[in-house]
PDB file of N, CA and C in Angstrom:
ATOM      1  N   MET A   1      -8.231 -17.023   5.415  1.00  0.00           N
ATOM      2  CA  MET A   1      -7.794 -16.119   4.371  1.00  0.00           C
ATOM      3  C   MET A   1      -6.682 -16.801   3.570  1.00  0.00           C
ATOM      4  N   LYS A   2      -6.734 -16.637   2.277  1.00  0.00           N
ATOM      5  CA  LYS A   2      -5.724 -17.223   1.396  1.00  0.00           C
ATOM      6  C   LYS A   2      -4.425 -16.431   1.464  1.00  0.00           C
ATOM      7  N   THR A   3      -3.326 -17.141   1.234  1.00  0.00           N
ATOM      8  CA  THR A   3      -2.053 -16.443   1.070  1.00  0.00           C
ATOM      9  C   THR A   3      -2.032 -15.831  -0.328  1.00  0.00           C
ATOM     10  N   ILE A   4      -1.110 -14.923  -0.569  1.00  0.00           N
ATOM     11  CA  ILE A   4      -0.968 -14.324  -1.896  1.00  0.00           C
ATOM     12  C   ILE A   4      -0.673 -15.406  -2.926  1.00  0.00           C
ATOM     13  N   GLU A   5       0.180 -16.351  -2.569  1.00  0.00           N
ATOM     14  CA  GLU A   5       0.539 -17.431  -3.490  1.00  0.00           C
ATOM     15  C   GLU A   5      -0.689 -18.279  -3.843  1.00  0.00           C
ATOM     16  N   GLU A   6      -1.521 -18.606  -2.849  1.00  0.00           N
ATOM     17  CA  GLU A   6      -2.738 -19.380  -3.111  1.00  0.00           C
ATOM     18  C   GLU A   6      -3.699 -18.609  -4.026  1.00  0.00           C
ATOM     19  N   ALA A   7      -3.808 -17.325  -3.808  1.00  0.00           N
ATOM     20  CA  ALA A   7      -4.671 -16.503  -4.660  1.00  0.00           C
ATOM     21  C   ALA A   7      -4.130 -16.447  -6.086  1.00  0.00           C
ATOM     22  N   ALA A   8      -2.806 -16.381  -6.245  1.00  0.00           N
ATOM     23  CA  ALA A   8      -2.202 -16.380  -7.578  1.00  0.00           C
ATOM     24  C   ALA A   8      -2.466 -17.700  -8.297  1.00  0.00           C
ATOM     25  N   ILE A   9      -2.395 -18.809  -7.581  1.00  0.00           N
ATOM     26  CA  ILE A   9      -2.686 -20.122  -8.182  1.00  0.00           C
ATOM     27  C   ILE A   9      -4.147 -20.184  -8.598  1.00  0.00           C
ATOM     28  N   ASP A  10      -5.047 -19.717  -7.744  1.00  0.00           N
ATOM     29  CA  ASP A  10      -6.470 -19.677  -8.099  1.00  0.00           C
ATOM     30  C   ASP A  10      -6.685 -18.833  -9.348  1.00  0.00           C
ATOM     31  N   CYS A  11      -5.956 -17.723  -9.440  1.00  0.00           N
ATOM     32  CA  CYS A  11      -6.031 -16.845 -10.612  1.00  0.00           C
ATOM     33  C   CYS A  11      -5.681 -17.632 -11.870  1.00  0.00           C
ATOM     34  N   ALA A  12      -4.630 -18.414 -11.808  1.00  0.00           N
ATOM     35  CA  ALA A  12      -4.156 -19.162 -12.969  1.00  0.00           C
ATOM     36  C   ALA A  12      -5.111 -20.278 -13.372  1.00  0.00           C
ATOM     37  N   LEU A  13      -5.858 -20.817 -12.426  1.00  0.00           N
ATOM     38  CA  LEU A  13      -6.737 -21.941 -12.713  1.00  0.00           C
ATOM     39  C   LEU A  13      -8.082 -21.521 -13.301  1.00  0.00           C
ATOM     40  N   LYS A  14      -8.365 -20.233 -13.319  1.00  0.00           N
ATOM     41  CA  LYS A  14      -9.621 -19.763 -13.899  1.00  0.00           C
ATOM     42  C   LYS A  14      -9.589 -19.927 -15.413  1.00  0.00           C
ATOM     43  N   ASP A  15     -10.752 -20.084 -16.007  1.00  0.00           N
ATOM     44  CA  ASP A  15     -10.863 -20.308 -17.447  1.00  0.00           C
ATOM     45  C   ASP A  15     -10.248 -19.195 -18.288  1.00  0.00           C
ATOM     46  N   GLU A  16     -10.282 -17.954 -17.790  1.00  0.00           N
ATOM     47  CA  GLU A  16      -9.762 -16.861 -18.605  1.00  0.00           C
ATOM     48  C   GLU A  16      -8.234 -16.841 -18.656  1.00  0.00           C
ATOM     49  N   PHE A  17      -7.569 -17.721 -17.909  1.00  0.00           N
ATOM     50  CA  PHE A  17      -6.109 -17.812 -17.937  1.00  0.00           C
ATOM     51  C   PHE A  17      -5.679 -19.232 -18.320  1.00  0.00           C
ATOM     52  N   PRO A  18      -5.954 -19.649 -19.536  1.00  0.00           N
ATOM     53  CA  PRO A  18      -5.661 -21.034 -19.927  1.00  0.00           C
ATOM     54  C   PRO A  18      -4.175 -21.332 -20.089  1.00  0.00           C
ATOM     55  N   ASN A  19      -3.325 -20.317 -20.167  1.00  0.00           N
ATOM     56  CA  ASN A  19      -1.903 -20.562 -20.411  1.00  0.00           C
ATOM     57  C   ASN A  19      -1.102 -20.863 -19.161  1.00  0.00           C
ATOM     58  N   GLY A  20      -1.742 -20.859 -18.003  1.00  0.00           N
ATOM     59  CA  GLY A  20      -1.057 -21.289 -16.801  1.00  0.00           C
ATOM     60  C   GLY A  20      -0.582 -20.179 -15.889  1.00  0.00           C
ATOM     61  N   TYR A  21      -0.160 -20.614 -14.742  1.00  0.00           N
ATOM     62  CA  TYR A  21       0.220 -19.763 -13.616  1.00  0.00           C
ATOM     63  C   TYR A  21       1.365 -18.817 -13.926  1.00  0.00           C
ATOM     64  N   ASP A  22       2.477 -19.317 -14.414  1.00  0.00           N
ATOM     65  CA  ASP A  22       3.663 -18.478 -14.567  1.00  0.00           C
ATOM     66  C   ASP A  22       3.451 -17.321 -15.523  1.00  0.00           C
ATOM     67  N   ALA A  23       2.846 -17.584 -16.669  1.00  0.00           N
ATOM     68  CA  ALA A  23       2.703 -16.539 -17.674  1.00  0.00           C
ATOM     69  C   ALA A  23       1.609 -15.540 -17.306  1.00  0.00           C
ATOM     70  N   GLU A  24       0.467 -16.015 -16.906  1.00  0.00           N
ATOM     71  CA  GLU A  24      -0.687 -15.137 -16.734  1.00  0.00           C
ATOM     72  C   GLU A  24      -0.760 -14.456 -15.382  1.00  0.00           C
ATOM     73  N   CYS A  25      -0.132 -15.010 -14.363  1.00  0.00           N
ATOM     74  CA  CYS A  25      -0.267 -14.427 -13.033  1.00  0.00           C
ATOM     75  C   CYS A  25       0.917 -13.561 -12.625  1.00  0.00           C
ATOM     76  N   ALA A  26       1.833 -13.315 -13.541  1.00  0.00           N
ATOM     77  CA  ALA A  26       2.920 -12.379 -13.250  1.00  0.00           C
ATOM     78  C   ALA A  26       2.332 -10.999 -12.970  1.00  0.00           C
ATOM     79  N   GLY A  27       1.303 -10.622 -13.703  1.00  0.00           N
ATOM     80  CA  GLY A  27       0.638  -9.342 -13.470  1.00  0.00           C
ATOM     81  C   GLY A  27      -0.025  -9.288 -12.111  1.00  0.00           C
ATOM     82  N   PHE A  28      -0.595 -10.412 -11.700  1.00  0.00           N
ATOM     83  CA  PHE A  28      -1.208 -10.490 -10.373  1.00  0.00           C
ATOM     84  C   PHE A  28      -0.147 -10.248  -9.305  1.00  0.00           C
ATOM     85  N   ARG A  29       0.980 -10.929  -9.416  1.00  0.00           N
ATOM     86  CA  ARG A  29       2.062 -10.769  -8.438  1.00  0.00           C
ATOM     87  C   ARG A  29       2.609  -9.341  -8.459  1.00  0.00           C
ATOM     88  N   ALA A  30       2.730  -8.745  -9.647  1.00  0.00           N
ATOM     89  CA  ALA A  30       3.226  -7.365  -9.750  1.00  0.00           C
ATOM     90  C   ALA A  30       2.252  -6.402  -9.069  1.00  0.00           C
ATOM     91  N   GLY A  31       0.956  -6.646  -9.220  1.00  0.00           N
ATOM     92  CA  GLY A  31      -0.035  -5.805  -8.560  1.00  0.00           C
ATOM     93  C   GLY A  31       0.038  -5.898  -7.049  1.00  0.00           C
ATOM     94  N   VAL A  32       0.244  -7.122  -6.554  1.00  0.00           N
ATOM     95  CA  VAL A  32       0.388  -7.307  -5.109  1.00  0.00           C
ATOM     96  C   VAL A  32       1.634  -6.584  -4.612  1.00  0.00           C
ATOM     97  N   LYS A  33       2.729  -6.718  -5.340  1.00  0.00           N
ATOM     98  CA  LYS A  33       3.971  -6.043  -4.942  1.00  0.00           C
ATOM     99  C   LYS A  33       3.765  -4.528  -4.894  1.00  0.00           C
ATOM    100  N   PHE A  34       3.096  -3.977  -5.894  1.00  0.00           N
ATOM    101  CA  PHE A  34       2.820  -2.544  -5.941  1.00  0.00           C
ATOM    102  C   PHE A  34       1.990  -2.117  -4.733  1.00  0.00           C
ATOM    103  N   ALA A  35       0.963  -2.890  -4.397  1.00  0.00           N
ATOM    104  CA  ALA A  35       0.076  -2.541  -3.286  1.00  0.00           C
ATOM    105  C   ALA A  35       0.786  -2.606  -1.943  1.00  0.00           C
ATOM    106  N   GLU A  36       1.853  -3.397  -1.850  1.00  0.00           N
ATOM    107  CA  GLU A  36       2.574  -3.552  -0.588  1.00  0.00           C
ATOM    108  C   GLU A  36       3.771  -2.615  -0.454  1.00  0.00           C
ATOM    109  N   GLU A  37       4.041  -1.775  -1.445  1.00  0.00           N
ATOM    110  CA  GLU A  37       5.197  -0.883  -1.377  1.00  0.00           C
ATOM    111  C   GLU A  37       4.989   0.215  -0.341  1.00  0.00           C
ATOM    112  N   TRP A  38       6.061   0.533   0.361  1.00  0.00           N
ATOM    113  CA  TRP A  38       6.067   1.650   1.303  1.00  0.00           C
ATOM    114  C   TRP A  38       6.641   2.863   0.586  1.00  0.00           C
ATOM    115  N   ILE A  39       6.069   4.032   0.855  1.00  0.00           N
ATOM    116  CA  ILE A  39       6.515   5.280   0.248  1.00  0.00           C
ATOM    117  C   ILE A  39       7.322   6.038   1.291  1.00  0.00           C
ATOM    118  N   LYS A  40       8.547   6.384   0.957  1.00  0.00           N
ATOM    119  CA  LYS A  40       9.380   7.134   1.884  1.00  0.00           C
ATOM    120  C   LYS A  40       8.818   8.547   2.033  1.00  0.00           C
ATOM    121  N   VAL A  41       8.739   9.012   3.269  1.00  0.00           N
ATOM    122  CA  VAL A  41       8.262  10.364   3.544  1.00  0.00           C
ATOM    123  C   VAL A  41       9.137  11.390   2.825  1.00  0.00           C
ATOM    124  N   SER A  42      10.424  11.071   2.686  1.00  0.00           N
ATOM    125  CA  SER A  42      11.330  11.989   1.992  1.00  0.00           C
ATOM    126  C   SER A  42      11.037  12.058   0.494  1.00  0.00           C
ATOM    127  N   ASP A  43      10.343  11.049  -0.063  1.00  0.00           N
ATOM    128  CA  ASP A  43       9.996  11.037  -1.485  1.00  0.00           C
ATOM    129  C   ASP A  43       8.631  11.659  -1.763  1.00  0.00           C
ATOM    130  N   GLU A  44       7.664  11.394  -0.891  1.00  0.00           N
ATOM    131  CA  GLU A  44       6.301  11.863  -1.132  1.00  0.00           C
ATOM    132  C   GLU A  44       5.495  11.783   0.157  1.00  0.00           C
ATOM    133  N   LEU A  45       4.683  12.776   0.389  1.00  0.00           N
ATOM    134  CA  LEU A  45       3.746  12.781   1.510  1.00  0.00           C
ATOM    135  C   LEU A  45       2.324  12.662   0.969  1.00  0.00           C
ATOM    136  N   PRO A  46       1.391  12.238   1.805  1.00  0.00           N
ATOM    137  CA  PRO A  46       0.006  12.306   1.371  1.00  0.00           C
ATOM    138  C   PRO A  46      -0.335  13.751   1.014  1.00  0.00           C
ATOM    139  N   SER A  47      -1.120  13.929  -0.029  1.00  0.00           N
ATOM    140  CA  SER A  47      -1.457  15.273  -0.475  1.00  0.00           C
ATOM    141  C   SER A  47      -2.849  15.269  -1.094  1.00  0.00           C
ATOM    142  N   GLU A  48      -3.341  16.462  -1.369  1.00  0.00           N
ATOM    143  CA  GLU A  48      -4.623  16.551  -2.061  1.00  0.00           C
ATOM    144  C   GLU A  48      -4.494  15.979  -3.472  1.00  0.00           C
ATOM    145  N   GLU A  49      -3.327  16.162  -4.093  1.00  0.00           N
ATOM    146  CA  GLU A  49      -3.110  15.683  -5.455  1.00  0.00           C
ATOM    147  C   GLU A  49      -3.172  14.162  -5.549  1.00  0.00           C
ATOM    148  N   ASN A  50      -2.561  13.459  -4.574  1.00  0.00           N
ATOM    149  CA  ASN A  50      -2.592  11.995  -4.664  1.00  0.00           C
ATOM    150  C   ASN A  50      -3.789  11.390  -3.932  1.00  0.00           C
ATOM    151  N   GLY A  51      -4.594  12.234  -3.279  1.00  0.00           N
ATOM    152  CA  GLY A  51      -5.843  11.770  -2.689  1.00  0.00           C
ATOM    153  C   GLY A  51      -5.753  11.185  -1.302  1.00  0.00           C
ATOM    154  N   TYR A  52      -4.621  11.330  -0.618  1.00  0.00           N
ATOM    155  CA  TYR A  52      -4.471  10.681   0.688  1.00  0.00           C
ATOM    156  C   TYR A  52      -4.337  11.637   1.859  1.00  0.00           C
ATOM    157  N   ILE A  53      -4.428  12.943   1.636  1.00  0.00           N
ATOM    158  CA  ILE A  53      -4.408  13.866   2.761  1.00  0.00           C
ATOM    159  C   ILE A  53      -5.749  13.757   3.479  1.00  0.00           C
ATOM    160  N   GLU A  54      -5.712  13.809   4.798  1.00  0.00           N
ATOM    161  CA  GLU A  54      -6.923  13.673   5.623  1.00  0.00           C
ATOM    162  C   GLU A  54      -7.553  12.286   5.485  1.00  0.00           C
ATOM    163  N   GLU A  55      -6.779  11.297   5.030  1.00  0.00           N
ATOM    164  CA  GLU A  55      -7.231   9.908   4.904  1.00  0.00           C
ATOM    165  C   GLU A  55      -6.361   9.020   5.797  1.00  0.00           C
ATOM    166  N   GLU A  56      -6.941   7.970   6.346  1.00  0.00           N
ATOM    167  CA  GLU A  56      -6.139   7.030   7.124  1.00  0.00           C
ATOM    168  C   GLU A  56      -5.198   6.268   6.201  1.00  0.00           C
ATOM    169  N   VAL A  57      -3.942   6.195   6.603  1.00  0.00           N
ATOM    170  CA  VAL A  57      -2.921   5.434   5.883  1.00  0.00           C
ATOM    171  C   VAL A  57      -2.120   4.637   6.907  1.00  0.00           C
ATOM    172  N   LEU A  58      -1.396   3.645   6.432  1.00  0.00           N
ATOM    173  CA  LEU A  58      -0.464   2.918   7.297  1.00  0.00           C
ATOM    174  C   LEU A  58       0.843   3.683   7.332  1.00  0.00           C
ATOM    175  N   VAL A  59       1.461   3.746   8.489  1.00  0.00           N
ATOM    176  CA  VAL A  59       2.753   4.405   8.630  1.00  0.00           C
ATOM    177  C   VAL A  59       3.677   3.491   9.418  1.00  0.00           C
ATOM    178  N   ARG A  60       4.981   3.722   9.259  1.00  0.00           N
ATOM    179  CA  ARG A  60       5.933   3.024  10.121  1.00  0.00           C
ATOM    180  C   ARG A  60       7.131   3.925  10.364  1.00  0.00           C
ATOM    181  N   ASP A  61       7.747   3.683  11.514  1.00  0.00           N
ATOM    182  CA  ASP A  61       8.882   4.504  11.907  1.00  0.00           C
ATOM    183  C   ASP A  61      10.184   3.781  11.604  1.00  0.00           C
ATOM    184  N   SER A  62      11.305   4.342  12.036  1.00  0.00           N
ATOM    185  CA  SER A  62      12.610   3.753  11.721  1.00  0.00           C
ATOM    186  C   SER A  62      12.816   2.401  12.393  1.00  0.00           C
ATOM    187  N   ASP A  63      12.055   2.096  13.442  1.00  0.00           N
ATOM    188  CA  ASP A  63      12.119   0.782  14.091  1.00  0.00           C
ATOM    189  C   ASP A  63      11.132  -0.207  13.482  1.00  0.00           C
ATOM    190  N   LYS A  64      10.480   0.176  12.388  1.00  0.00           N
ATOM    191  CA  LYS A  64       9.492  -0.633  11.667  1.00  0.00           C
ATOM    192  C   LYS A  64       8.228  -0.878  12.487  1.00  0.00           C
ATOM    193  N   VAL A  65       7.961   0.004  13.473  1.00  0.00           N
ATOM    194  CA  VAL A  65       6.700  -0.048  14.202  1.00  0.00           C
ATOM    195  C   VAL A  65       5.642   0.549  13.283  1.00  0.00           C
ATOM    196  N   SER A  66       4.540  -0.171  13.093  1.00  0.00           N
ATOM    197  CA  SER A  66       3.483   0.280  12.182  1.00  0.00           C
ATOM    198  C   SER A  66       2.264   0.746  12.956  1.00  0.00           C
ATOM    199  N   ALA A  67       1.533   1.666  12.358  1.00  0.00           N
ATOM    200  CA  ALA A  67       0.309   2.187  12.952  1.00  0.00           C
ATOM    201  C   ALA A  67      -0.541   2.803  11.852  1.00  0.00           C
ATOM    202  N   VAL A  68      -1.741   3.199  12.198  1.00  0.00           N
ATOM    203  CA  VAL A  68      -2.603   3.954  11.296  1.00  0.00           C
ATOM    204  C   VAL A  68      -2.475   5.421  11.691  1.00  0.00           C
ATOM    205  N   ALA A  69      -2.346   6.285  10.686  1.00  0.00           N
ATOM    206  CA  ALA A  69      -2.217   7.715  10.946  1.00  0.00           C
ATOM    207  C   ALA A  69      -2.912   8.495   9.840  1.00  0.00           C
ATOM    208  N   ILE A  70      -3.067   9.770  10.085  1.00  0.00           N
ATOM    209  CA  ILE A  70      -3.658  10.688   9.110  1.00  0.00           C
ATOM    210  C   ILE A  70      -2.695  11.848   8.935  1.00  0.00           C
ATOM    211  N   TYR A  71      -2.411  12.201   7.679  1.00  0.00           N
ATOM    212  CA  TYR A  71      -1.607  13.386   7.413  1.00  0.00           C
ATOM    213  C   TYR A  71      -2.580  14.538   7.220  1.00  0.00           C
ATOM    214  N   ARG A  72      -2.495  15.529   8.089  1.00  0.00           N
ATOM    215  CA  ARG A  72      -3.455  16.626   8.123  1.00  0.00           C
ATOM    216  C   ARG A  72      -3.104  17.747   7.150  1.00  0.00           C
ATOM    217  N   LEU A  73      -4.111  18.496   6.760  1.00  0.00           N
ATOM    218  CA  LEU A  73      -3.919  19.655   5.876  1.00  0.00           C
ATOM    219  C   LEU A  73      -2.891  20.628   6.434  1.00  0.00           C
ATOM    220  N   GLU A  74      -2.792  20.687   7.750  1.00  0.00           N
ATOM    221  CA  GLU A  74      -1.842  21.581   8.402  1.00  0.00           C
ATOM    222  C   GLU A  74      -0.417  21.033   8.353  1.00  0.00           C
ATOM    223  N   GLU A  75      -0.223  19.923   7.638  1.00  0.00           N
ATOM    224  CA  GLU A  75       1.078  19.295   7.396  1.00  0.00           C
ATOM    225  C   GLU A  75       1.717  18.705   8.649  1.00  0.00           C
ATOM    226  N   TYR A  76       0.950  17.891   9.346  1.00  0.00           N
ATOM    227  CA  TYR A  76       1.492  17.107  10.453  1.00  0.00           C
ATOM    228  C   TYR A  76       0.767  15.761  10.481  1.00  0.00           C
ATOM    229  N   TRP A  77       1.451  14.768  11.056  1.00  0.00           N
ATOM    230  CA  TRP A  77       0.886  13.437  11.201  1.00  0.00           C
ATOM    231  C   TRP A  77       0.099  13.367  12.500  1.00  0.00           C
ATOM    232  N   GLU A  78      -1.026  12.677  12.471  1.00  0.00           N
ATOM    233  CA  GLU A  78      -1.812  12.416  13.670  1.00  0.00           C
ATOM    234  C   GLU A  78      -1.997  10.908  13.784  1.00  0.00           C
ATOM    235  N   SER A  79      -1.491  10.347  14.881  1.00  0.00           N
ATOM    236  CA  SER A  79      -1.655   8.933  15.158  1.00  0.00           C
ATOM    237  C   SER A  79      -1.984   8.785  16.637  1.00  0.00           C
ATOM    238  N   PHE A  80      -2.857   7.854  16.935  1.00  0.00           N
ATOM    239  CA  PHE A  80      -3.234   7.629  18.325  1.00  0.00           C
ATOM    240  C   PHE A  80      -2.455   6.475  18.942  1.00  0.00           C
ATOM    241  N   ASP A  81      -1.469   5.974  18.234  1.00  0.00           N
ATOM    242  CA  ASP A  81      -0.626   4.894  18.732  1.00  0.00           C
ATOM    243  C   ASP A  81       0.634   5.500  19.347  1.00  0.00           C
ATOM    244  N   GLU A  82       0.753   5.412  20.631  1.00  0.00           N
ATOM    245  CA  GLU A  82       1.872   6.034  21.341  1.00  0.00           C
ATOM    246  C   GLU A  82       3.210   5.349  21.066  1.00  0.00           C
ATOM    247  N   ARG A  83       3.190   4.159  20.504  1.00  0.00           N
ATOM    248  CA  ARG A  83       4.441   3.435  20.237  1.00  0.00           C
ATOM    249  C   ARG A  83       5.175   3.982  19.018  1.00  0.00           C
ATOM    250  N   ILE A  84       4.472   4.696  18.148  1.00  0.00           N
ATOM    251  CA  ILE A  84       5.069   5.134  16.892  1.00  0.00           C
ATOM    252  C   ILE A  84       6.024   6.300  17.139  1.00  0.00           C
ATOM    253  N   GLY A  85       7.193   6.213  16.518  1.00  0.00           N
ATOM    254  CA  GLY A  85       8.177   7.284  16.615  1.00  0.00           C
ATOM    255  C   GLY A  85       8.036   8.227  15.433  1.00  0.00           C
ATOM    256  N   VAL A  86       9.154   8.744  14.961  1.00  0.00           N
ATOM    257  CA  VAL A  86       9.141   9.629  13.801  1.00  0.00           C
ATOM    258  C   VAL A  86       8.782   8.805  12.571  1.00  0.00           C
ATOM    259  N   ILE A  87       7.761   9.218  11.870  1.00  0.00           N
ATOM    260  CA  ILE A  87       7.258   8.469  10.716  1.00  0.00           C
ATOM    261  C   ILE A  87       8.231   8.617   9.555  1.00  0.00           C
ATOM    262  N   LYS A  88       8.668   7.472   9.030  1.00  0.00           N
ATOM    263  CA  LYS A  88       9.623   7.439   7.923  1.00  0.00           C
ATOM    264  C   LYS A  88       8.998   6.988   6.612  1.00  0.00           C
ATOM    265  N   GLU A  89       7.957   6.138   6.689  1.00  0.00           N
ATOM    266  CA  GLU A  89       7.331   5.588   5.491  1.00  0.00           C
ATOM    267  C   GLU A  89       5.827   5.515   5.691  1.00  0.00           C
ATOM    268  N   TRP A  90       5.103   5.495   4.590  1.00  0.00           N
ATOM    269  CA  TRP A  90       3.658   5.347   4.644  1.00  0.00           C
ATOM    270  C   TRP A  90       3.184   4.595   3.412  1.00  0.00           C
ATOM    271  N   ARG A  91       1.973   4.101   3.485  1.00  0.00           N
ATOM    272  CA  ARG A  91       1.329   3.515   2.312  1.00  0.00           C
ATOM    273  C   ARG A  91      -0.176   3.547   2.515  1.00  0.00           C
ATOM    274  N   PRO A  92      -0.890   3.651   1.422  1.00  0.00           N
ATOM    275  CA  PRO A  92      -2.349   3.658   1.518  1.00  0.00           C
ATOM    276  C   PRO A  92      -2.865   2.340   2.081  1.00  0.00           C
ATOM    277  N   ILE A  93      -3.952   2.414   2.794  1.00  0.00           N
ATOM    278  CA  ILE A  93      -4.605   1.188   3.239  1.00  0.00           C
ATOM    279  C   ILE A  93      -5.293   0.553   2.032  1.00  0.00           C
ATOM    280  N   HIS A  94      -5.905   1.388   1.222  1.00  0.00           N
ATOM    281  CA  HIS A  94      -6.511   0.955  -0.037  1.00  0.00           C
ATOM    282  C   HIS A  94      -6.041   1.904  -1.118  1.00  0.00           C
ATOM    283  N   ARG A  95      -5.459   1.379  -2.173  1.00  0.00           N
ATOM    284  CA  ARG A  95      -5.081   2.235  -3.298  1.00  0.00           C
ATOM    285  C   ARG A  95      -6.356   2.731  -3.936  1.00  0.00           C
ATOM    286  N   ASN A  96      -6.446   4.016  -4.213  1.00  0.00           N
ATOM    287  CA  ASN A  96      -7.663   4.524  -4.842  1.00  0.00           C
ATOM    288  C   ASN A  96      -7.354   5.134  -6.204  1.00  0.00           C
ATOM    289  N   GLU A  97      -8.398   5.565  -6.859  1.00  0.00           N
ATOM    290  CA  GLU A  97      -8.259   6.072  -8.221  1.00  0.00           C
ATOM    291  C   GLU A  97      -7.487   7.384  -8.268  1.00  0.00           C
ATOM    292  N   HIS A  98      -7.269   8.028  -7.146  1.00  0.00           N
ATOM    293  CA  HIS A  98      -6.568   9.310  -7.135  1.00  0.00           C
ATOM    294  C   HIS A  98      -5.047   9.152  -7.178  1.00  0.00           C
ATOM    295  N   TYR A  99      -4.553   7.970  -6.846  1.00  0.00           N
ATOM    296  CA  TYR A  99      -3.106   7.788  -6.749  1.00  0.00           C
ATOM    297  C   TYR A  99      -2.493   7.714  -8.134  1.00  0.00           C
ATOM    298  N   ASN A 100      -1.480   8.509  -8.387  1.00  0.00           N
ATOM    299  CA  ASN A 100      -0.816   8.535  -9.693  1.00  0.00           C
ATOM    300  C   ASN A 100       0.184   7.411  -9.796  1.00  0.00           C
ATOM    301  N   VAL A 101       0.043   6.574 -10.799  1.00  0.00           N
ATOM    302  CA  VAL A 101       0.970   5.472 -11.051  1.00  0.00           C
ATOM    303  C   VAL A 101       1.790   5.834 -12.279  1.00  0.00           C
ATOM    304  N   TYR A 102       3.087   5.812 -12.133  1.00  0.00           N
ATOM    305  CA  TYR A 102       3.962   6.171 -13.238  1.00  0.00           C
ATOM    306  C   TYR A 102       4.600   4.942 -13.831  1.00  0.00           C
TER     307      TYR A 102
END
């Protein structure tokens, strides 16, 4: 598997990006950064509006232990990983068309 940096270089070398890596692949790097952001539970929870309720998402606790969990309609987290503590942050496994980007 390629690193993000290797993928960005490949992006720059394609014919549709003749102006080079730095100028044309800034958007690529920004997209990767966006996809890797963690959402604080205090800021937003999975919901029907953002399309992630009842969907598997990545979660992590205050010790940065990560797991896969589902936020249920009944407003509780369900995870089968016993190591996970109180969930503090989450992020989609795959960003989908339902997620609102501001």
